[in-house]
Amino acid sequence: PEGTGALREVLPKQGQLSVEDTAAMVL
């Protein structure tokens, strides 16, 4: 459908979900 963009969010039904967008200190 139009308006949703080219990418669709997919969440796993089994296993672990990992997120790599954590804020870290930059030296």
mmCIF file of all heavy atoms, coordinates in Angstrom:
data_MODEL
# 
_entry.id   MODEL 
# 
loop_
_atom_site.group_PDB 
_atom_site.id 
_atom_site.type_symbol 
_atom_site.label_atom_id 
_atom_site.label_alt_id 
_atom_site.label_comp_id 
_atom_site.label_asym_id 
_atom_site.label_entity_id 
_atom_site.label_seq_id 
_atom_site.pdbx_PDB_ins_code 
_atom_site.Cartn_x 
_atom_site.Cartn_y 
_atom_site.Cartn_z 
_atom_site.occupancy 
_atom_site.B_iso_or_equiv 
_atom_site.pdbx_formal_charge 
_atom_site.auth_seq_id 
_atom_site.auth_comp_id 
_atom_site.auth_asym_id 
_atom_site.auth_atom_id 
_atom_site.pdbx_PDB_model_num 
ATOM 1   N N   . PRO A 1 1  ? 0.835  -1.203  0.000  1.00 0.00 ? 1  PRO A N   1 
ATOM 2   C CA  . PRO A 1 1  ? 0.000  0.000   0.000  1.00 0.00 ? 1  PRO A CA  1 
ATOM 3   C C   . PRO A 1 1  ? 0.867  1.249   0.000  1.00 0.00 ? 1  PRO A C   1 
ATOM 4   O O   . PRO A 1 1  ? 1.965  1.260   0.538  1.00 0.00 ? 1  PRO A O   1 
ATOM 5   C CB  . PRO A 1 1  ? -0.812 -0.115  1.289  1.00 0.00 ? 1  PRO A CB  1 
ATOM 6   C CG  . PRO A 1 1  ? -0.240 -1.240  2.062  1.00 0.00 ? 1  PRO A CG  1 
ATOM 7   C CD  . PRO A 1 1  ? 0.686  -1.991  1.182  1.00 0.00 ? 1  PRO A CD  1 
ATOM 8   N N   . GLU A 1 2  ? 0.364  2.269   -0.627 1.00 0.00 ? 2  GLU A N   1 
ATOM 9   C CA  . GLU A 1 2  ? 1.139  3.514   -0.713 1.00 0.00 ? 2  GLU A CA  1 
ATOM 10  C C   . GLU A 1 2  ? 1.171  4.220   0.639  1.00 0.00 ? 2  GLU A C   1 
ATOM 11  O O   . GLU A 1 2  ? 0.274  4.106   1.445  1.00 0.00 ? 2  GLU A O   1 
ATOM 12  C CB  . GLU A 1 2  ? 0.500  4.428   -1.754 1.00 0.00 ? 2  GLU A CB  1 
ATOM 13  C CG  . GLU A 1 2  ? 0.683  3.928   -3.158 1.00 0.00 ? 2  GLU A CG  1 
ATOM 14  C CD  . GLU A 1 2  ? 0.173  4.928   -4.164 1.00 0.00 ? 2  GLU A CD  1 
ATOM 15  O OE1 . GLU A 1 2  ? 0.282  6.135   -3.917 1.00 0.00 ? 2  GLU A OE1 1 
ATOM 16  O OE2 . GLU A 1 2  ? -0.325 4.495   -5.195 1.00 0.00 ? 2  GLU A OE2 1 
ATOM 17  N N   . GLY A 1 3  ? 2.275  4.949   0.882  1.00 0.00 ? 3  GLY A N   1 
ATOM 18  C CA  . GLY A 1 3  ? 2.399  5.712   2.105  1.00 0.00 ? 3  GLY A CA  1 
ATOM 19  C C   . GLY A 1 3  ? 3.114  4.964   3.225  1.00 0.00 ? 3  GLY A C   1 
ATOM 20  O O   . GLY A 1 3  ? 3.412  5.538   4.251  1.00 0.00 ? 3  GLY A O   1 
ATOM 21  N N   . THR A 1 4  ? 3.375  3.675   3.084  1.00 0.00 ? 4  THR A N   1 
ATOM 22  C CA  . THR A 1 4  ? 4.054  2.934   4.138  1.00 0.00 ? 4  THR A CA  1 
ATOM 23  C C   . THR A 1 4  ? 5.558  2.911   3.929  1.00 0.00 ? 4  THR A C   1 
ATOM 24  O O   . THR A 1 4  ? 6.285  2.494   4.807  1.00 0.00 ? 4  THR A O   1 
ATOM 25  C CB  . THR A 1 4  ? 3.537  1.487   4.229  1.00 0.00 ? 4  THR A CB  1 
ATOM 26  O OG1 . THR A 1 4  ? 3.748  0.850   2.971  1.00 0.00 ? 4  THR A OG1 1 
ATOM 27  C CG2 . THR A 1 4  ? 2.080  1.460   4.613  1.00 0.00 ? 4  THR A CG2 1 
ATOM 28  N N   . GLY A 1 5  ? 6.043  3.296   2.789  1.00 0.00 ? 5  GLY A N   1 
ATOM 29  C CA  . GLY A 1 5  ? 7.474  3.308   2.542  1.00 0.00 ? 5  GLY A CA  1 
ATOM 30  C C   . GLY A 1 5  ? 7.918  2.035   1.853  1.00 0.00 ? 5  GLY A C   1 
ATOM 31  O O   . GLY A 1 5  ? 7.133  1.111   1.610  1.00 0.00 ? 5  GLY A O   1 
ATOM 32  N N   . ALA A 1 6  ? 9.196  1.950   1.552  1.00 0.00 ? 6  ALA A N   1 
ATOM 33  C CA  . ALA A 1 6  ? 9.716  0.802   0.827  1.00 0.00 ? 6  ALA A CA  1 
ATOM 34  C C   . ALA A 1 6  ? 10.076 -0.346  1.752  1.00 0.00 ? 6  ALA A C   1 
ATOM 35  O O   . ALA A 1 6  ? 10.183 -1.480  1.314  1.00 0.00 ? 6  ALA A O   1 
ATOM 36  C CB  . ALA A 1 6  ? 10.940 1.217   0.028  1.00 0.00 ? 6  ALA A CB  1 
ATOM 37  N N   . LEU A 1 7  ? 10.257 -0.101  3.040  1.00 0.00 ? 7  LEU A N   1 
ATOM 38  C CA  . LEU A 1 7  ? 10.664 -1.137  3.976  1.00 0.00 ? 7  LEU A CA  1 
ATOM 39  C C   . LEU A 1 7  ? 9.537  -1.467  4.938  1.00 0.00 ? 7  LEU A C   1 
ATOM 40  O O   . LEU A 1 7  ? 8.785  -0.587  5.370  1.00 0.00 ? 7  LEU A O   1 
ATOM 41  C CB  . LEU A 1 7  ? 11.903 -0.698  4.772  1.00 0.00 ? 7  LEU A CB  1 
ATOM 42  C CG  . LEU A 1 7  ? 13.147 -0.407  3.954  1.00 0.00 ? 7  LEU A CG  1 
ATOM 43  C CD1 . LEU A 1 7  ? 14.246 0.123   4.845  1.00 0.00 ? 7  LEU A CD1 1 
ATOM 44  C CD2 . LEU A 1 7  ? 13.613 -1.650  3.210  1.00 0.00 ? 7  LEU A CD2 1 
ATOM 45  N N   . ARG A 1 8  ? 9.480  -2.740  5.277  1.00 0.00 ? 8  ARG A N   1 
ATOM 46  C CA  . ARG A 1 8  ? 8.445  -3.201  6.187  1.00 0.00 ? 8  ARG A CA  1 
ATOM 47  C C   . ARG A 1 8  ? 9.135  -3.776  7.420  1.00 0.00 ? 8  ARG A C   1 
ATOM 48  O O   . ARG A 1 8  ? 10.138 -4.477  7.314  1.00 0.00 ? 8  ARG A O   1 
ATOM 49  C CB  . ARG A 1 8  ? 7.621  -4.264  5.489  1.00 0.00 ? 8  ARG A CB  1 
ATOM 50  C CG  . ARG A 1 8  ? 6.354  -4.629  6.152  1.00 0.00 ? 8  ARG A CG  1 
ATOM 51  C CD  . ARG A 1 8  ? 5.509  -5.485  5.237  1.00 0.00 ? 8  ARG A CD  1 
ATOM 52  N NE  . ARG A 1 8  ? 6.229  -6.637  4.710  1.00 0.00 ? 8  ARG A NE  1 
ATOM 53  C CZ  . ARG A 1 8  ? 6.057  -7.881  5.150  1.00 0.00 ? 8  ARG A CZ  1 
ATOM 54  N NH1 . ARG A 1 8  ? 5.203  -8.125  6.108  1.00 0.00 ? 8  ARG A NH1 1 
ATOM 55  N NH2 . ARG A 1 8  ? 6.722  -8.865  4.621  1.00 0.00 ? 8  ARG A NH2 1 
ATOM 56  N N   . GLU A 1 9  ? 8.648  -3.473  8.609  1.00 0.00 ? 9  GLU A N   1 
ATOM 57  C CA  . GLU A 1 9  ? 9.239  -3.964  9.847  1.00 0.00 ? 9  GLU A CA  1 
ATOM 58  C C   . GLU A 1 9  ? 8.881  -5.427  10.047 1.00 0.00 ? 9  GLU A C   1 
ATOM 59  O O   . GLU A 1 9  ? 7.733  -5.827  9.901  1.00 0.00 ? 9  GLU A O   1 
ATOM 60  C CB  . GLU A 1 9  ? 8.719  -3.141  11.022 1.00 0.00 ? 9  GLU A CB  1 
ATOM 61  C CG  . GLU A 1 9  ? 9.359  -3.503  12.331 1.00 0.00 ? 9  GLU A CG  1 
ATOM 62  C CD  . GLU A 1 9  ? 8.831  -2.640  13.450 1.00 0.00 ? 9  GLU A CD  1 
ATOM 63  O OE1 . GLU A 1 9  ? 7.785  -3.010  14.021 1.00 0.00 ? 9  GLU A OE1 1 
ATOM 64  O OE2 . GLU A 1 9  ? 9.455  -1.607  13.745 1.00 0.00 ? 9  GLU A OE2 1 
ATOM 65  N N   . VAL A 1 10 ? 9.927  -6.228  10.344 1.00 0.00 ? 10 VAL A N   1 
ATOM 66  C CA  . VAL A 1 10 ? 9.711  -7.654  10.558 1.00 0.00 ? 10 VAL A CA  1 
ATOM 67  C C   . VAL A 1 10 ? 10.220 -8.004  11.942 1.00 0.00 ? 10 VAL A C   1 
ATOM 68  O O   . VAL A 1 10 ? 11.388 -7.783  12.250 1.00 0.00 ? 10 VAL A O   1 
ATOM 69  C CB  . VAL A 1 10 ? 10.469 -8.496  9.499  1.00 0.00 ? 10 VAL A CB  1 
ATOM 70  C CG1 . VAL A 1 10 ? 10.290 -9.982  9.776  1.00 0.00 ? 10 VAL A CG1 1 
ATOM 71  C CG2 . VAL A 1 10 ? 9.997  -8.146  8.108  1.00 0.00 ? 10 VAL A CG2 1 
ATOM 72  N N   . LEU A 1 11 ? 9.357  -8.567  12.792 1.00 0.00 ? 11 LEU A N   1 
ATOM 73  C CA  . LEU A 1 11 ? 9.742  -8.991  14.130 1.00 0.00 ? 11 LEU A CA  1 
ATOM 74  C C   . LEU A 1 11 ? 9.746  -10.511 14.175 1.00 0.00 ? 11 LEU A C   1 
ATOM 75  O O   . LEU A 1 11 ? 8.822  -11.151 13.675 1.00 0.00 ? 11 LEU A O   1 
ATOM 76  C CB  . LEU A 1 11 ? 8.779  -8.432  15.176 1.00 0.00 ? 11 LEU A CB  1 
ATOM 77  C CG  . LEU A 1 11 ? 8.763  -6.914  15.324 1.00 0.00 ? 11 LEU A CG  1 
ATOM 78  C CD1 . LEU A 1 11 ? 7.682  -6.498  16.295 1.00 0.00 ? 11 LEU A CD1 1 
ATOM 79  C CD2 . LEU A 1 11 ? 10.103 -6.422  15.771 1.00 0.00 ? 11 LEU A CD2 1 
ATOM 80  N N   . PRO A 1 12 ? 10.794 -11.115 14.764 1.00 0.00 ? 12 PRO A N   1 
ATOM 81  C CA  . PRO A 1 12 ? 10.832 -12.578 14.828 1.00 0.00 ? 12 PRO A CA  1 
ATOM 82  C C   . PRO A 1 12 ? 9.792  -13.116 15.817 1.00 0.00 ? 12 PRO A C   1 
ATOM 83  O O   . PRO A 1 12 ? 9.517  -12.503 16.841 1.00 0.00 ? 12 PRO A O   1 
ATOM 84  C CB  . PRO A 1 12 ? 12.253 -12.874 15.303 1.00 0.00 ? 12 PRO A CB  1 
ATOM 85  C CG  . PRO A 1 12 ? 12.674 -11.655 16.025 1.00 0.00 ? 12 PRO A CG  1 
ATOM 86  C CD  . PRO A 1 12 ? 11.986 -10.515 15.362 1.00 0.00 ? 12 PRO A CD  1 
ATOM 87  N N   . LYS A 1 13 ? 9.244  -14.265 15.486 1.00 0.00 ? 13 LYS A N   1 
ATOM 88  C CA  . LYS A 1 13 ? 8.264  -14.883 16.383 1.00 0.00 ? 13 LYS A CA  1 
ATOM 89  C C   . LYS A 1 13 ? 8.945  -15.789 17.386 1.00 0.00 ? 13 LYS A C   1 
ATOM 90  O O   . LYS A 1 13 ? 8.408  -16.085 18.428 1.00 0.00 ? 13 LYS A O   1 
ATOM 91  C CB  . LYS A 1 13 ? 7.243  -15.658 15.566 1.00 0.00 ? 13 LYS A CB  1 
ATOM 92  C CG  . LYS A 1 13 ? 6.440  -14.730 14.694 1.00 0.00 ? 13 LYS A CG  1 
ATOM 93  C CD  . LYS A 1 13 ? 5.339  -15.480 14.004 1.00 0.00 ? 13 LYS A CD  1 
ATOM 94  C CE  . LYS A 1 13 ? 4.734  -14.656 12.949 1.00 0.00 ? 13 LYS A CE  1 
ATOM 95  N NZ  . LYS A 1 13 ? 3.697  -13.946 12.926 1.00 0.00 ? 13 LYS A NZ  1 
ATOM 96  N N   . GLN A 1 14 ? 10.187 -16.226 17.097 1.00 0.00 ? 14 GLN A N   1 
ATOM 97  C CA  . GLN A 1 14 ? 10.960 -17.055 18.008 1.00 0.00 ? 14 GLN A CA  1 
ATOM 98  C C   . GLN A 1 14 ? 12.363 -16.458 18.111 1.00 0.00 ? 14 GLN A C   1 
ATOM 99  O O   . GLN A 1 14 ? 12.823 -15.748 17.215 1.00 0.00 ? 14 GLN A O   1 
ATOM 100 C CB  . GLN A 1 14 ? 11.090 -18.482 17.476 1.00 0.00 ? 14 GLN A CB  1 
ATOM 101 C CG  . GLN A 1 14 ? 9.847  -19.292 17.577 1.00 0.00 ? 14 GLN A CG  1 
ATOM 102 C CD  . GLN A 1 14 ? 10.107 -20.703 17.085 1.00 0.00 ? 14 GLN A CD  1 
ATOM 103 O OE1 . GLN A 1 14 ? 10.992 -20.937 16.290 1.00 0.00 ? 14 GLN A OE1 1 
ATOM 104 N NE2 . GLN A 1 14 ? 9.306  -21.637 17.576 1.00 0.00 ? 14 GLN A NE2 1 
ATOM 105 N N   . GLY A 1 15 ? 13.060 -16.786 19.196 1.00 0.00 ? 15 GLY A N   1 
ATOM 106 C CA  . GLY A 1 15 ? 14.438 -16.356 19.352 1.00 0.00 ? 15 GLY A CA  1 
ATOM 107 C C   . GLY A 1 15 ? 14.554 -15.009 20.041 1.00 0.00 ? 15 GLY A C   1 
ATOM 108 O O   . GLY A 1 15 ? 13.591 -14.490 20.611 1.00 0.00 ? 15 GLY A O   1 
ATOM 109 N N   . GLN A 1 16 ? 15.718 -14.456 19.957 1.00 0.00 ? 16 GLN A N   1 
ATOM 110 C CA  . GLN A 1 16 ? 15.987 -13.187 20.636 1.00 0.00 ? 16 GLN A CA  1 
ATOM 111 C C   . GLN A 1 16 ? 16.002 -12.049 19.623 1.00 0.00 ? 16 GLN A C   1 
ATOM 112 O O   . GLN A 1 16 ? 16.393 -12.223 18.478 1.00 0.00 ? 16 GLN A O   1 
ATOM 113 C CB  . GLN A 1 16 ? 17.339 -13.231 21.335 1.00 0.00 ? 16 GLN A CB  1 
ATOM 114 C CG  . GLN A 1 16 ? 17.392 -14.195 22.491 1.00 0.00 ? 16 GLN A CG  1 
ATOM 115 C CD  . GLN A 1 16 ? 18.750 -14.181 23.168 1.00 0.00 ? 16 GLN A CD  1 
ATOM 116 O OE1 . GLN A 1 16 ? 19.718 -13.689 22.615 1.00 0.00 ? 16 GLN A OE1 1 
ATOM 117 N NE2 . GLN A 1 16 ? 18.811 -14.726 24.374 1.00 0.00 ? 16 GLN A NE2 1 
ATOM 118 N N   . LEU A 1 17 ? 15.595 -10.919 20.108 1.00 0.00 ? 17 LEU A N   1 
ATOM 119 C CA  . LEU A 1 17 ? 15.629 -9.714  19.295 1.00 0.00 ? 17 LEU A CA  1 
ATOM 120 C C   . LEU A 1 17 ? 16.781 -8.863  19.788 1.00 0.00 ? 17 LEU A C   1 
ATOM 121 O O   . LEU A 1 17 ? 16.868 -8.546  20.971 1.00 0.00 ? 17 LEU A O   1 
ATOM 122 C CB  . LEU A 1 17 ? 14.313 -8.946  19.435 1.00 0.00 ? 17 LEU A CB  1 
ATOM 123 C CG  . LEU A 1 17 ? 14.227 -7.614  18.699 1.00 0.00 ? 17 LEU A CG  1 
ATOM 124 C CD1 . LEU A 1 17 ? 14.308 -7.842  17.193 1.00 0.00 ? 17 LEU A CD1 1 
ATOM 125 C CD2 . LEU A 1 17 ? 12.950 -6.898  19.052 1.00 0.00 ? 17 LEU A CD2 1 
ATOM 126 N N   . SER A 1 18 ? 17.703 -8.532  18.923 1.00 0.00 ? 18 SER A N   1 
ATOM 127 C CA  . SER A 1 18 ? 18.848 -7.710  19.345 1.00 0.00 ? 18 SER A CA  1 
ATOM 128 C C   . SER A 1 18 ? 18.764 -6.350  18.679 1.00 0.00 ? 18 SER A C   1 
ATOM 129 O O   . SER A 1 18 ? 18.408 -6.231  17.513 1.00 0.00 ? 18 SER A O   1 
ATOM 130 C CB  . SER A 1 18 ? 20.173 -8.385  18.982 1.00 0.00 ? 18 SER A CB  1 
ATOM 131 O OG  . SER A 1 18 ? 20.304 -8.465  17.585 1.00 0.00 ? 18 SER A OG  1 
ATOM 132 N N   . VAL A 1 19 ? 19.087 -5.354  19.455 1.00 0.00 ? 19 VAL A N   1 
ATOM 133 C CA  . VAL A 1 19 ? 19.083 -3.984  18.957 1.00 0.00 ? 19 VAL A CA  1 
ATOM 134 C C   . VAL A 1 19 ? 20.492 -3.441  19.071 1.00 0.00 ? 19 VAL A C   1 
ATOM 135 O O   . VAL A 1 19 ? 21.120 -3.524  20.130 1.00 0.00 ? 19 VAL A O   1 
ATOM 136 C CB  . VAL A 1 19 ? 18.096 -3.114  19.771 1.00 0.00 ? 19 VAL A CB  1 
ATOM 137 C CG1 . VAL A 1 19 ? 18.133 -1.683  19.291 1.00 0.00 ? 19 VAL A CG1 1 
ATOM 138 C CG2 . VAL A 1 19 ? 16.709 -3.687  19.687 1.00 0.00 ? 19 VAL A CG2 1 
ATOM 139 N N   . GLU A 1 20 ? 21.005 -2.886  18.001 1.00 0.00 ? 20 GLU A N   1 
ATOM 140 C CA  . GLU A 1 20 ? 22.379 -2.393  17.997 1.00 0.00 ? 20 GLU A CA  1 
ATOM 141 C C   . GLU A 1 20 ? 22.466 -0.867  18.029 1.00 0.00 ? 20 GLU A C   1 
ATOM 142 O O   . GLU A 1 20 ? 23.533 -0.306  17.908 1.00 0.00 ? 20 GLU A O   1 
ATOM 143 C CB  . GLU A 1 20 ? 23.116 -2.929  16.770 1.00 0.00 ? 20 GLU A CB  1 
ATOM 144 C CG  . GLU A 1 20 ? 23.273 -4.427  16.802 1.00 0.00 ? 20 GLU A CG  1 
ATOM 145 C CD  . GLU A 1 20 ? 24.046 -4.947  15.609 1.00 0.00 ? 20 GLU A CD  1 
ATOM 146 O OE1 . GLU A 1 20 ? 24.692 -4.131  14.926 1.00 0.00 ? 20 GLU A OE1 1 
ATOM 147 O OE2 . GLU A 1 20 ? 23.998 -6.154  15.375 1.00 0.00 ? 20 GLU A OE2 1 
ATOM 148 N N   . ASP A 1 21 ? 21.356 -0.209  18.182 1.00 0.00 ? 21 ASP A N   1 
ATOM 149 C CA  . ASP A 1 21 ? 21.354 1.253   18.215 1.00 0.00 ? 21 ASP A CA  1 
ATOM 150 C C   . ASP A 1 21 ? 21.449 1.758   19.646 1.00 0.00 ? 21 ASP A C   1 
ATOM 151 O O   . ASP A 1 21 ? 20.573 2.455   20.142 1.00 0.00 ? 21 ASP A O   1 
ATOM 152 C CB  . ASP A 1 21 ? 20.095 1.811   17.560 1.00 0.00 ? 21 ASP A CB  1 
ATOM 153 C CG  . ASP A 1 21 ? 20.125 1.677   16.064 1.00 0.00 ? 21 ASP A CG  1 
ATOM 154 O OD1 . ASP A 1 21 ? 21.225 1.516   15.506 1.00 0.00 ? 21 ASP A OD1 1 
ATOM 155 O OD2 . ASP A 1 21 ? 19.053 1.734   15.438 1.00 0.00 ? 21 ASP A OD2 1 
ATOM 156 N N   . THR A 1 22 ? 22.496 1.385   20.339 1.00 0.00 ? 22 THR A N   1 
ATOM 157 C CA  . THR A 1 22 ? 22.681 1.862   21.703 1.00 0.00 ? 22 THR A CA  1 
ATOM 158 C C   . THR A 1 22 ? 23.620 3.060   21.687 1.00 0.00 ? 22 THR A C   1 
ATOM 159 O O   . THR A 1 22 ? 24.584 3.097   20.915 1.00 0.00 ? 22 THR A O   1 
ATOM 160 C CB  . THR A 1 22 ? 23.269 0.765   22.603 1.00 0.00 ? 22 THR A CB  1 
ATOM 161 O OG1 . THR A 1 22 ? 24.504 0.341   22.049 1.00 0.00 ? 22 THR A OG1 1 
ATOM 162 C CG2 . THR A 1 22 ? 22.329 -0.419  22.710 1.00 0.00 ? 22 THR A CG2 1 
ATOM 163 N N   . ALA A 1 23 ? 23.330 4.009   22.514 1.00 0.00 ? 23 ALA A N   1 
ATOM 164 C CA  . ALA A 1 23 ? 24.180 5.203   22.604 1.00 0.00 ? 23 ALA A CA  1 
ATOM 165 C C   . ALA A 1 23 ? 25.452 4.843   23.356 1.00 0.00 ? 23 ALA A C   1 
ATOM 166 O O   . ALA A 1 23 ? 25.416 4.207   24.402 1.00 0.00 ? 23 ALA A O   1 
ATOM 167 C CB  . ALA A 1 23 ? 23.445 6.325   23.321 1.00 0.00 ? 23 ALA A CB  1 
ATOM 168 N N   . ALA A 1 24 ? 26.579 5.235   22.805 1.00 0.00 ? 24 ALA A N   1 
ATOM 169 C CA  . ALA A 1 24 ? 27.865 4.948   23.439 1.00 0.00 ? 24 ALA A CA  1 
ATOM 170 C C   . ALA A 1 24 ? 28.677 6.235   23.486 1.00 0.00 ? 24 ALA A C   1 
ATOM 171 O O   . ALA A 1 24 ? 28.475 7.144   22.675 1.00 0.00 ? 24 ALA A O   1 
ATOM 172 C CB  . ALA A 1 24 ? 28.616 3.878   22.656 1.00 0.00 ? 24 ALA A CB  1 
ATOM 173 N N   . MET A 1 25 ? 29.585 6.271   24.439 1.00 0.00 ? 25 MET A N   1 
ATOM 174 C CA  . MET A 1 25 ? 30.453 7.442   24.546 1.00 0.00 ? 25 MET A CA  1 
ATOM 175 C C   . MET A 1 25 ? 31.469 7.423   23.414 1.00 0.00 ? 25 MET A C   1 
ATOM 176 O O   . MET A 1 25 ? 32.002 6.380   23.064 1.00 0.00 ? 25 MET A O   1 
ATOM 177 C CB  . MET A 1 25 ? 31.175 7.445   25.887 1.00 0.00 ? 25 MET A CB  1 
ATOM 178 C CG  . MET A 1 25 ? 30.270 7.735   27.050 1.00 0.00 ? 25 MET A CG  1 
ATOM 179 S SD  . MET A 1 25 ? 31.098 7.724   28.659 1.00 0.00 ? 25 MET A SD  1 
ATOM 180 C CE  . MET A 1 25 ? 32.609 8.532   28.351 1.00 0.00 ? 25 MET A CE  1 
ATOM 181 N N   . VAL A 1 26 ? 31.716 8.579   22.858 1.00 0.00 ? 26 VAL A N   1 
ATOM 182 C CA  . VAL A 1 26 ? 32.720 8.699   21.811 1.00 0.00 ? 26 VAL A CA  1 
ATOM 183 C C   . VAL A 1 26 ? 33.898 9.444   22.406 1.00 0.00 ? 26 VAL A C   1 
ATOM 184 O O   . VAL A 1 26 ? 33.750 10.560  22.916 1.00 0.00 ? 26 VAL A O   1 
ATOM 185 C CB  . VAL A 1 26 ? 32.159 9.480   20.598 1.00 0.00 ? 26 VAL A CB  1 
ATOM 186 C CG1 . VAL A 1 26 ? 33.228 9.665   19.552 1.00 0.00 ? 26 VAL A CG1 1 
ATOM 187 C CG2 . VAL A 1 26 ? 30.954 8.754   20.037 1.00 0.00 ? 26 VAL A CG2 1 
ATOM 188 N N   . LEU A 1 27 ? 35.060 8.821   22.382 1.00 0.00 ? 27 LEU A N   1 
ATOM 189 C CA  . LEU A 1 27 ? 36.253 9.441   22.945 1.00 0.00 ? 27 LEU A CA  1 
ATOM 190 C C   . LEU A 1 27 ? 36.913 10.335  21.904 1.00 0.00 ? 27 LEU A C   1 
ATOM 191 O O   . LEU A 1 27 ? 37.045 9.959   20.747 1.00 0.00 ? 27 LEU A O   1 
ATOM 192 C CB  . LEU A 1 27 ? 37.240 8.363   23.415 1.00 0.00 ? 27 LEU A CB  1 
ATOM 193 C CG  . LEU A 1 27 ? 36.696 7.432   24.495 1.00 0.00 ? 27 LEU A CG  1 
ATOM 194 C CD1 . LEU A 1 27 ? 37.725 6.372   24.824 1.00 0.00 ? 27 LEU A CD1 1 
ATOM 195 C CD2 . LEU A 1 27 ? 36.334 8.206   25.731 1.00 0.00 ? 27 LEU A CD2 1 
# 
